[in-house]
């Protein structure tokens, strides 16, 4: 089966599996599958926004390539596929850590990131809730090097699938213990503390896939004396939780 058909099928099956695991082994019991905001996250963020932003990002990358012509050199095309994937997964993960850190410590960038912290219930689908401006910046920087360096055509599809699977897993409401692996790989055991309202200011557990960035640069946070679960925004009273378009324009309010 071709990758363009196989990868979305894997993502859908993964979502169904996480739904079952969230019911069987919940970190916070009592979450409803069709909780408030479910259809907004599924339709507007996961389907509509992802589709149109993918078209826009592709256009930006083609425009950049038209100016530079870098892709014609196929600088990494001859490398084994797994090495290409490792290169872009690790390099993007490192860039994403620092971009995420800047978002939490700079007023302008927090504006485009706060939508990701708005969900009052953090489950596997909540990870899709990110402002279009944030996705436009993050995914352009993610996929531009892949195309401009002339990577194999399988790389963006496989990497995009891994990103989706990992993002869903990170936000899942599953009570899981990974032992020493949490010092290398990120997951719900660490990431739920990133969304918790009682964590230190400035952002914690900012990594996406490799938690080692947090342990290296001192932003790891893993308390054992209490449970996470107070989610949402500190200034959340004015946030338009039920409106996708309201969330889009919310970043333009006066500073």
C-alpha atoms as a PDB file:
ATOM      1  CA  UNK A   1       0.000   0.000   0.000  1.00  0.00           C
ATOM      2  CA  UNK A   2       1.253   3.484  -0.875  1.00  0.00           C
ATOM      3  CA  UNK A   3       2.499   5.633   2.002  1.00  0.00           C
ATOM      4  CA  UNK A   4       0.058   8.478   1.331  1.00  0.00           C
ATOM      5  CA  UNK A   5      -2.787   6.054   2.095  1.00  0.00           C
ATOM      6  CA  UNK A   6      -1.041   3.958   4.737  1.00  0.00           C
ATOM      7  CA  UNK A   7       0.079   6.794   7.018  1.00  0.00           C
ATOM      8  CA  UNK A   8      -3.394   8.315   7.639  1.00  0.00           C
ATOM      9  CA  UNK A   9      -4.773   4.832   8.256  1.00  0.00           C
ATOM     10  CA  UNK A  10      -2.103   4.241  10.904  1.00  0.00           C
ATOM     11  CA  UNK A  11      -2.892   7.601  12.536  1.00  0.00           C
ATOM     12  CA  UNK A  12      -6.627   6.805  12.704  1.00  0.00           C
ATOM     13  CA  UNK A  13      -5.971   3.343  14.172  1.00  0.00           C
ATOM     14  CA  UNK A  14      -3.590   4.880  16.709  1.00  0.00           C
ATOM     15  CA  UNK A  15      -6.276   7.368  17.747  1.00  0.00           C
ATOM     16  CA  UNK A  16      -8.782   4.537  18.263  1.00  0.00           C
ATOM     17  CA  UNK A  17      -6.236   2.586  20.322  1.00  0.00           C
ATOM     18  CA  UNK A  18      -5.487   5.605  22.523  1.00  0.00           C
ATOM     19  CA  UNK A  19      -9.220   6.152  23.029  1.00  0.00           C
ATOM     20  CA  UNK A  20      -9.510   2.604  24.359  1.00  0.00           C
ATOM     21  CA  UNK A  21      -6.417   2.920  26.561  1.00  0.00           C
ATOM     22  CA  UNK A  22      -7.691   6.209  28.007  1.00  0.00           C
ATOM     23  CA  UNK A  23     -10.850   4.384  29.054  1.00  0.00           C
ATOM     24  CA  UNK A  24      -9.024   1.319  30.413  1.00  0.00           C
ATOM     25  CA  UNK A  25      -6.052   2.998  32.134  1.00  0.00           C
ATOM     26  CA  UNK A  26      -6.989   6.650  32.745  1.00  0.00           C
ATOM     27  CA  UNK A  27      -4.645   9.005  34.566  1.00  0.00           C
ATOM     28  CA  UNK A  28      -7.646  11.164  35.481  1.00  0.00           C
ATOM     29  CA  UNK A  29     -10.809   9.026  35.583  1.00  0.00           C
ATOM     30  CA  UNK A  30     -14.115  10.288  34.273  1.00  0.00           C
ATOM     31  CA  UNK A  31     -13.129  11.934  30.992  1.00  0.00           C
ATOM     32  CA  UNK A  32     -15.869  11.616  28.378  1.00  0.00           C
ATOM     33  CA  UNK A  33     -14.877  10.682  24.839  1.00  0.00           C
ATOM     34  CA  UNK A  34     -17.021  13.444  23.354  1.00  0.00           C
ATOM     35  CA  UNK A  35     -15.997  16.062  25.896  1.00  0.00           C
ATOM     36  CA  UNK A  36     -16.504  19.790  25.355  1.00  0.00           C
ATOM     37  CA  UNK A  37     -14.462  20.912  22.360  1.00  0.00           C
ATOM     38  CA  UNK A  38     -14.079  17.403  20.906  1.00  0.00           C
ATOM     39  CA  UNK A  39     -15.679  18.222  17.553  1.00  0.00           C
ATOM     40  CA  UNK A  40     -13.855  21.549  17.306  1.00  0.00           C
ATOM     41  CA  UNK A  41     -10.541  19.776  17.828  1.00  0.00           C
ATOM     42  CA  UNK A  42     -11.388  16.943  15.441  1.00  0.00           C
ATOM     43  CA  UNK A  43     -12.988  18.921  12.606  1.00  0.00           C
ATOM     44  CA  UNK A  44     -11.514  22.419  12.655  1.00  0.00           C
ATOM     45  CA  UNK A  45      -8.026  21.742  14.027  1.00  0.00           C
ATOM     46  CA  UNK A  46      -7.276  18.173  12.931  1.00  0.00           C
ATOM     47  CA  UNK A  47      -8.933  18.183   9.501  1.00  0.00           C
ATOM     48  CA  UNK A  48      -9.659  21.674   8.133  1.00  0.00           C
ATOM     49  CA  UNK A  49      -6.764  23.673   9.598  1.00  0.00           C
ATOM     50  CA  UNK A  50      -4.216  20.918   8.921  1.00  0.00           C
ATOM     51  CA  UNK A  51      -5.290  20.645   5.278  1.00  0.00           C
ATOM     52  CA  UNK A  52      -5.219  24.333   4.407  1.00  0.00           C
ATOM     53  CA  UNK A  53      -2.037  25.037   6.342  1.00  0.00           C
ATOM     54  CA  UNK A  54      -0.343  22.137   4.553  1.00  0.00           C
ATOM     55  CA  UNK A  55      -1.179  23.816   1.235  1.00  0.00           C
ATOM     56  CA  UNK A  56       0.121  27.170   2.444  1.00  0.00           C
ATOM     57  CA  UNK A  57       3.320  25.720   3.900  1.00  0.00           C
ATOM     58  CA  UNK A  58       3.972  23.784   0.687  1.00  0.00           C
ATOM     59  CA  UNK A  59       3.550  27.011  -1.296  1.00  0.00           C
ATOM     60  CA  UNK A  60       5.999  28.857   0.972  1.00  0.00           C
ATOM     61  CA  UNK A  61       8.564  26.090   0.600  1.00  0.00           C
ATOM     62  CA  UNK A  62       8.196  26.031  -3.199  1.00  0.00           C
ATOM     63  CA  UNK A  63       8.637  29.817  -3.265  1.00  0.00           C
ATOM     64  CA  UNK A  64      11.789  29.527  -1.138  1.00  0.00           C
ATOM     65  CA  UNK A  65      13.106  26.776  -3.367  1.00  0.00           C
ATOM     66  CA  UNK A  66      12.419  28.906  -6.410  1.00  0.00           C
ATOM     67  CA  UNK A  67      14.678  31.605  -4.955  1.00  0.00           C
ATOM     68  CA  UNK A  68      17.470  29.293  -3.820  1.00  0.00           C
ATOM     69  CA  UNK A  69      17.246  26.201  -6.020  1.00  0.00           C
ATOM     70  CA  UNK A  70      18.662  24.135  -3.161  1.00  0.00           C
ATOM     71  CA  UNK A  71      16.505  21.081  -3.726  1.00  0.00           C
ATOM     72  CA  UNK A  72      18.060  20.336  -7.104  1.00  0.00           C
ATOM     73  CA  UNK A  73      21.330  19.387  -5.404  1.00  0.00           C
ATOM     74  CA  UNK A  74      19.670  16.493  -3.489  1.00  0.00           C
ATOM     75  CA  UNK A  75      22.190  16.966  -0.701  1.00  0.00           C
ATOM     76  CA  UNK A  76      20.912  14.097   1.458  1.00  0.00           C
ATOM     77  CA  UNK A  77      19.021  11.993  -1.097  1.00  0.00           C
ATOM     78  CA  UNK A  78      21.750   9.344  -1.285  1.00  0.00           C
ATOM     79  CA  UNK A  79      21.802   8.758   2.464  1.00  0.00           C
ATOM     80  CA  UNK A  80      19.952   5.687   3.793  1.00  0.00           C
ATOM     81  CA  UNK A  81      16.331   6.515   4.584  1.00  0.00           C
ATOM     82  CA  UNK A  82      16.690   5.797   8.297  1.00  0.00           C
ATOM     83  CA  UNK A  83      19.637   8.209   8.570  1.00  0.00           C
ATOM     84  CA  UNK A  84      17.647  10.927   6.800  1.00  0.00           C
ATOM     85  CA  UNK A  85      14.766  10.362   9.216  1.00  0.00           C
ATOM     86  CA  UNK A  86      17.056  10.466  12.256  1.00  0.00           C
ATOM     87  CA  UNK A  87      18.680  13.680  11.035  1.00  0.00           C
ATOM     88  CA  UNK A  88      15.397  15.538  10.601  1.00  0.00           C
ATOM     89  CA  UNK A  89      13.714  14.067  13.683  1.00  0.00           C
ATOM     90  CA  UNK A  90      16.567  15.025  16.029  1.00  0.00           C
ATOM     91  CA  UNK A  91      17.423  18.396  14.474  1.00  0.00           C
ATOM     92  CA  UNK A  92      13.783  19.486  14.360  1.00  0.00           C
ATOM     93  CA  UNK A  93      13.202  18.256  17.906  1.00  0.00           C
ATOM     94  CA  UNK A  94      16.096  20.401  19.142  1.00  0.00           C
ATOM     95  CA  UNK A  95      14.822  23.439  17.226  1.00  0.00           C
ATOM     96  CA  UNK A  96      11.291  22.850  18.502  1.00  0.00           C
ATOM     97  CA  UNK A  97      12.526  22.745  22.104  1.00  0.00           C
ATOM     98  CA  UNK A  98      14.069  26.208  21.838  1.00  0.00           C
ATOM     99  CA  UNK A  99      11.159  27.658  19.887  1.00  0.00           C
ATOM    100  CA  UNK A 100       8.778  26.270  22.530  1.00  0.00           C
ATOM    101  CA  UNK A 101      10.937  27.765  25.266  1.00  0.00           C
ATOM    102  CA  UNK A 102      10.830  31.174  23.570  1.00  0.00           C
ATOM    103  CA  UNK A 103       7.028  30.913  23.278  1.00  0.00           C
ATOM    104  CA  UNK A 104       6.726  30.542  27.032  1.00  0.00           C
ATOM    105  CA  UNK A 105       9.047  33.426  27.828  1.00  0.00           C
ATOM    106  CA  UNK A 106       8.124  36.042  25.218  1.00  0.00           C
ATOM    107  CA  UNK A 107       4.797  37.874  25.215  1.00  0.00           C
ATOM    108  CA  UNK A 108       4.342  37.964  21.443  1.00  0.00           C
ATOM    109  CA  UNK A 109       5.069  34.277  20.924  1.00  0.00           C
ATOM    110  CA  UNK A 110       2.992  33.285  23.954  1.00  0.00           C
ATOM    111  CA  UNK A 111       0.024  34.822  22.133  1.00  0.00           C
ATOM    112  CA  UNK A 112       0.289  32.263  19.345  1.00  0.00           C
ATOM    113  CA  UNK A 113       1.013  29.398  21.759  1.00  0.00           C
ATOM    114  CA  UNK A 114      -1.649  29.950  24.418  1.00  0.00           C
ATOM    115  CA  UNK A 115      -4.296  28.158  22.348  1.00  0.00           C
ATOM    116  CA  UNK A 116      -2.343  24.923  22.886  1.00  0.00           C
ATOM    117  CA  UNK A 117      -2.722  25.426  26.650  1.00  0.00           C
ATOM    118  CA  UNK A 118      -6.410  26.283  26.577  1.00  0.00           C
ATOM    119  CA  UNK A 119      -7.880  22.733  26.825  1.00  0.00           C
ATOM    120  CA  UNK A 120      -9.421  22.050  30.222  1.00  0.00           C
ATOM    121  CA  UNK A 121      -9.144  18.307  29.572  1.00  0.00           C
ATOM    122  CA  UNK A 122      -5.853  17.039  28.195  1.00  0.00           C
ATOM    123  CA  UNK A 123      -6.384  13.909  26.115  1.00  0.00           C
ATOM    124  CA  UNK A 124      -4.896  12.533  22.894  1.00  0.00           C
ATOM    125  CA  UNK A 125      -7.015  14.840  20.708  1.00  0.00           C
ATOM    126  CA  UNK A 126      -6.231  17.989  22.711  1.00  0.00           C
ATOM    127  CA  UNK A 127      -2.759  18.041  21.186  1.00  0.00           C
ATOM    128  CA  UNK A 128      -4.262  19.082  17.849  1.00  0.00           C
ATOM    129  CA  UNK A 129      -5.424  22.406  19.314  1.00  0.00           C
ATOM    130  CA  UNK A 130      -2.747  24.878  18.216  1.00  0.00           C
ATOM    131  CA  UNK A 131      -3.185  28.310  16.692  1.00  0.00           C
ATOM    132  CA  UNK A 132      -2.764  28.498  12.920  1.00  0.00           C
ATOM    133  CA  UNK A 133       0.033  31.075  13.273  1.00  0.00           C
ATOM    134  CA  UNK A 134       2.019  28.742  15.505  1.00  0.00           C
ATOM    135  CA  UNK A 135       1.573  25.789  13.158  1.00  0.00           C
ATOM    136  CA  UNK A 136       2.532  27.923  10.162  1.00  0.00           C
ATOM    137  CA  UNK A 137       5.830  28.924  11.787  1.00  0.00           C
ATOM    138  CA  UNK A 138       6.653  25.568  13.380  1.00  0.00           C
ATOM    139  CA  UNK A 139       5.858  23.321  10.423  1.00  0.00           C
ATOM    140  CA  UNK A 140       7.457  25.599   7.834  1.00  0.00           C
ATOM    141  CA  UNK A 141      10.728  25.358   9.773  1.00  0.00           C
ATOM    142  CA  UNK A 142      10.112  21.629  10.154  1.00  0.00           C
ATOM    143  CA  UNK A 143       9.489  20.691   6.536  1.00  0.00           C
ATOM    144  CA  UNK A 144      11.502  23.323   4.646  1.00  0.00           C
ATOM    145  CA  UNK A 145      14.881  21.645   5.373  1.00  0.00           C
ATOM    146  CA  UNK A 146      13.480  18.276   4.274  1.00  0.00           C
ATOM    147  CA  UNK A 147      12.527  19.600   0.844  1.00  0.00           C
ATOM    148  CA  UNK A 148      15.350  22.091   0.376  1.00  0.00           C
ATOM    149  CA  UNK A 149      18.009  19.479   1.179  1.00  0.00           C
ATOM    150  CA  UNK A 150      16.438  17.127  -1.329  1.00  0.00           C
ATOM    151  CA  UNK A 151      15.457  14.339   1.047  1.00  0.00           C
ATOM    152  CA  UNK A 152      13.744  11.212  -0.209  1.00  0.00           C
ATOM    153  CA  UNK A 153       9.998  11.714  -0.844  1.00  0.00           C
ATOM    154  CA  UNK A 154       9.198   9.152   1.868  1.00  0.00           C
ATOM    155  CA  UNK A 155      10.787  11.312   4.580  1.00  0.00           C
ATOM    156  CA  UNK A 156       8.075  14.004   4.980  1.00  0.00           C
ATOM    157  CA  UNK A 157       5.306  11.387   4.999  1.00  0.00           C
ATOM    158  CA  UNK A 158       6.984   9.123   7.549  1.00  0.00           C
ATOM    159  CA  UNK A 159       8.163  12.021   9.714  1.00  0.00           C
ATOM    160  CA  UNK A 160       4.725  13.645   9.594  1.00  0.00           C
ATOM    161  CA  UNK A 161       3.182  10.363  10.724  1.00  0.00           C
ATOM    162  CA  UNK A 162       5.674  10.002  13.585  1.00  0.00           C
ATOM    163  CA  UNK A 163       4.955  13.597  14.655  1.00  0.00           C
ATOM    164  CA  UNK A 164       1.216  12.912  14.719  1.00  0.00           C
ATOM    165  CA  UNK A 165       1.505   9.619  16.589  1.00  0.00           C
ATOM    166  CA  UNK A 166       3.882  11.060  19.180  1.00  0.00           C
ATOM    167  CA  UNK A 167       1.846  14.212  19.686  1.00  0.00           C
ATOM    168  CA  UNK A 168      -1.301  12.170  20.297  1.00  0.00           C
ATOM    169  CA  UNK A 169       0.576   9.906  22.713  1.00  0.00           C
ATOM    170  CA  UNK A 170       2.121  12.860  24.607  1.00  0.00           C
ATOM    171  CA  UNK A 171      -1.291  14.356  25.331  1.00  0.00           C
ATOM    172  CA  UNK A 172      -3.099  11.104  26.088  1.00  0.00           C
ATOM    173  CA  UNK A 173      -4.829  10.665  29.429  1.00  0.00           C
ATOM    174  CA  UNK A 174      -3.115   7.323  30.084  1.00  0.00           C
ATOM    175  CA  UNK A 175      -1.590   6.375  33.419  1.00  0.00           C
ATOM    176  CA  UNK A 176       1.779   5.059  32.275  1.00  0.00           C
ATOM    177  CA  UNK A 177       5.176   4.542  33.898  1.00  0.00           C
ATOM    178  CA  UNK A 178       8.244   4.376  31.657  1.00  0.00           C
ATOM    179  CA  UNK A 179      10.999   4.182  34.263  1.00  0.00           C
ATOM    180  CA  UNK A 180      14.430   5.354  33.131  1.00  0.00           C
ATOM    181  CA  UNK A 181      13.126   5.948  29.596  1.00  0.00           C
ATOM    182  CA  UNK A 182      11.544   9.230  30.710  1.00  0.00           C
ATOM    183  CA  UNK A 183      15.075  10.644  30.886  1.00  0.00           C
ATOM    184  CA  UNK A 184      15.385  10.134  27.119  1.00  0.00           C
ATOM    185  CA  UNK A 185      11.900  10.102  25.580  1.00  0.00           C
ATOM    186  CA  UNK A 186       8.958  12.381  26.205  1.00  0.00           C
ATOM    187  CA  UNK A 187       5.473  11.039  26.862  1.00  0.00           C
ATOM    188  CA  UNK A 188       2.287  11.719  28.840  1.00  0.00           C
ATOM    189  CA  UNK A 189       4.082  10.948  32.104  1.00  0.00           C
ATOM    190  CA  UNK A 190       6.100  14.152  31.620  1.00  0.00           C
ATOM    191  CA  UNK A 191       4.065  16.229  29.187  1.00  0.00           C
ATOM    192  CA  UNK A 192       0.931  16.498  31.316  1.00  0.00           C
ATOM    193  CA  UNK A 193       3.008  18.570  33.753  1.00  0.00           C
ATOM    194  CA  UNK A 194       3.696  21.014  30.926  1.00  0.00           C
ATOM    195  CA  UNK A 195      -0.043  21.774  30.854  1.00  0.00           C
ATOM    196  CA  UNK A 196      -0.592  21.781  34.614  1.00  0.00           C
ATOM    197  CA  UNK A 197      -1.393  25.223  36.059  1.00  0.00           C
ATOM    198  CA  UNK A 198       0.675  24.748  39.201  1.00  0.00           C
ATOM    199  CA  UNK A 199       3.991  24.255  37.435  1.00  0.00           C
ATOM    200  CA  UNK A 200       6.752  26.899  37.656  1.00  0.00           C
ATOM    201  CA  UNK A 201       6.544  29.983  35.464  1.00  0.00           C
ATOM    202  CA  UNK A 202       8.486  29.977  32.208  1.00  0.00           C
ATOM    203  CA  UNK A 203       7.459  26.551  30.985  1.00  0.00           C
ATOM    204  CA  UNK A 204       8.586  23.052  31.930  1.00  0.00           C
ATOM    205  CA  UNK A 205       8.931  19.797  29.998  1.00  0.00           C
ATOM    206  CA  UNK A 206       9.206  21.707  26.740  1.00  0.00           C
ATOM    207  CA  UNK A 207      10.568  18.833  24.680  1.00  0.00           C
ATOM    208  CA  UNK A 208       8.511  17.169  21.982  1.00  0.00           C
ATOM    209  CA  UNK A 209       9.999  13.704  21.511  1.00  0.00           C
ATOM    210  CA  UNK A 210      13.352  13.673  23.298  1.00  0.00           C
ATOM    211  CA  UNK A 211      12.997  14.672  26.946  1.00  0.00           C
ATOM    212  CA  UNK A 212      16.765  14.791  27.293  1.00  0.00           C
ATOM    213  CA  UNK A 213      16.717  18.433  26.118  1.00  0.00           C
ATOM    214  CA  UNK A 214      14.758  19.324  29.275  1.00  0.00           C
ATOM    215  CA  UNK A 215      17.118  17.376  31.515  1.00  0.00           C
ATOM    216  CA  UNK A 216      20.161  18.993  29.861  1.00  0.00           C
ATOM    217  CA  UNK A 217      18.916  22.600  30.072  1.00  0.00           C
ATOM    218  CA  UNK A 218      17.137  22.427  33.418  1.00  0.00           C
ATOM    219  CA  UNK A 219      13.488  22.632  32.360  1.00  0.00           C
ATOM    220  CA  UNK A 220      12.517  19.096  33.373  1.00  0.00           C
ATOM    221  CA  UNK A 221       9.777  18.863  36.017  1.00  0.00           C
ATOM    222  CA  UNK A 222       8.540  15.621  37.520  1.00  0.00           C
ATOM    223  CA  UNK A 223       7.052  15.982  41.022  1.00  0.00           C
ATOM    224  CA  UNK A 224       5.930  12.810  42.756  1.00  0.00           C
ATOM    225  CA  UNK A 225       4.019  14.249  45.707  1.00  0.00           C
ATOM    226  CA  UNK A 226       0.888  15.195  43.761  1.00  0.00           C
ATOM    227  CA  UNK A 227      -0.998  14.532  40.525  1.00  0.00           C
ATOM    228  CA  UNK A 228      -1.338  16.857  37.564  1.00  0.00           C
ATOM    229  CA  UNK A 229      -4.812  17.777  36.403  1.00  0.00           C
ATOM    230  CA  UNK A 230      -5.408  21.511  36.820  1.00  0.00           C
ATOM    231  CA  UNK A 231      -5.378  22.404  33.128  1.00  0.00           C
ATOM    232  CA  UNK A 232      -6.274  25.466  31.101  1.00  0.00           C
ATOM    233  CA  UNK A 233      -5.103  29.086  31.049  1.00  0.00           C
ATOM    234  CA  UNK A 234      -4.431  31.256  34.091  1.00  0.00           C
ATOM    235  CA  UNK A 235      -6.151  34.076  32.188  1.00  0.00           C
ATOM    236  CA  UNK A 236      -8.700  31.648  30.804  1.00  0.00           C
ATOM    237  CA  UNK A 237     -11.874  33.484  31.798  1.00  0.00           C
ATOM    238  CA  UNK A 238     -11.812  35.507  28.576  1.00  0.00           C
ATOM    239  CA  UNK A 239     -10.679  32.738  26.233  1.00  0.00           C
ATOM    240  CA  UNK A 240     -13.273  31.730  23.569  1.00  0.00           C
ATOM    241  CA  UNK A 241     -13.188  27.989  24.307  1.00  0.00           C
ATOM    242  CA  UNK A 242     -16.120  27.022  22.111  1.00  0.00           C
ATOM    243  CA  UNK A 243     -15.258  28.983  18.956  1.00  0.00           C
ATOM    244  CA  UNK A 244     -12.485  28.042  16.535  1.00  0.00           C
ATOM    245  CA  UNK A 245     -12.704  31.391  14.747  1.00  0.00           C
ATOM    246  CA  UNK A 246     -12.859  33.199  18.079  1.00  0.00           C
ATOM    247  CA  UNK A 247      -9.601  31.511  19.031  1.00  0.00           C
ATOM    248  CA  UNK A 248      -8.037  32.537  15.717  1.00  0.00           C
ATOM    249  CA  UNK A 249      -8.677  36.242  16.301  1.00  0.00           C
ATOM    250  CA  UNK A 250      -8.081  36.152  20.067  1.00  0.00           C
ATOM    251  CA  UNK A 251      -4.355  36.754  19.554  1.00  0.00           C
ATOM    252  CA  UNK A 252      -5.104  40.219  18.145  1.00  0.00           C
ATOM    253  CA  UNK A 253      -6.544  41.580  21.412  1.00  0.00           C
ATOM    254  CA  UNK A 254      -4.645  44.532  22.964  1.00  0.00           C
ATOM    255  CA  UNK A 255      -1.488  43.630  24.852  1.00  0.00           C
END
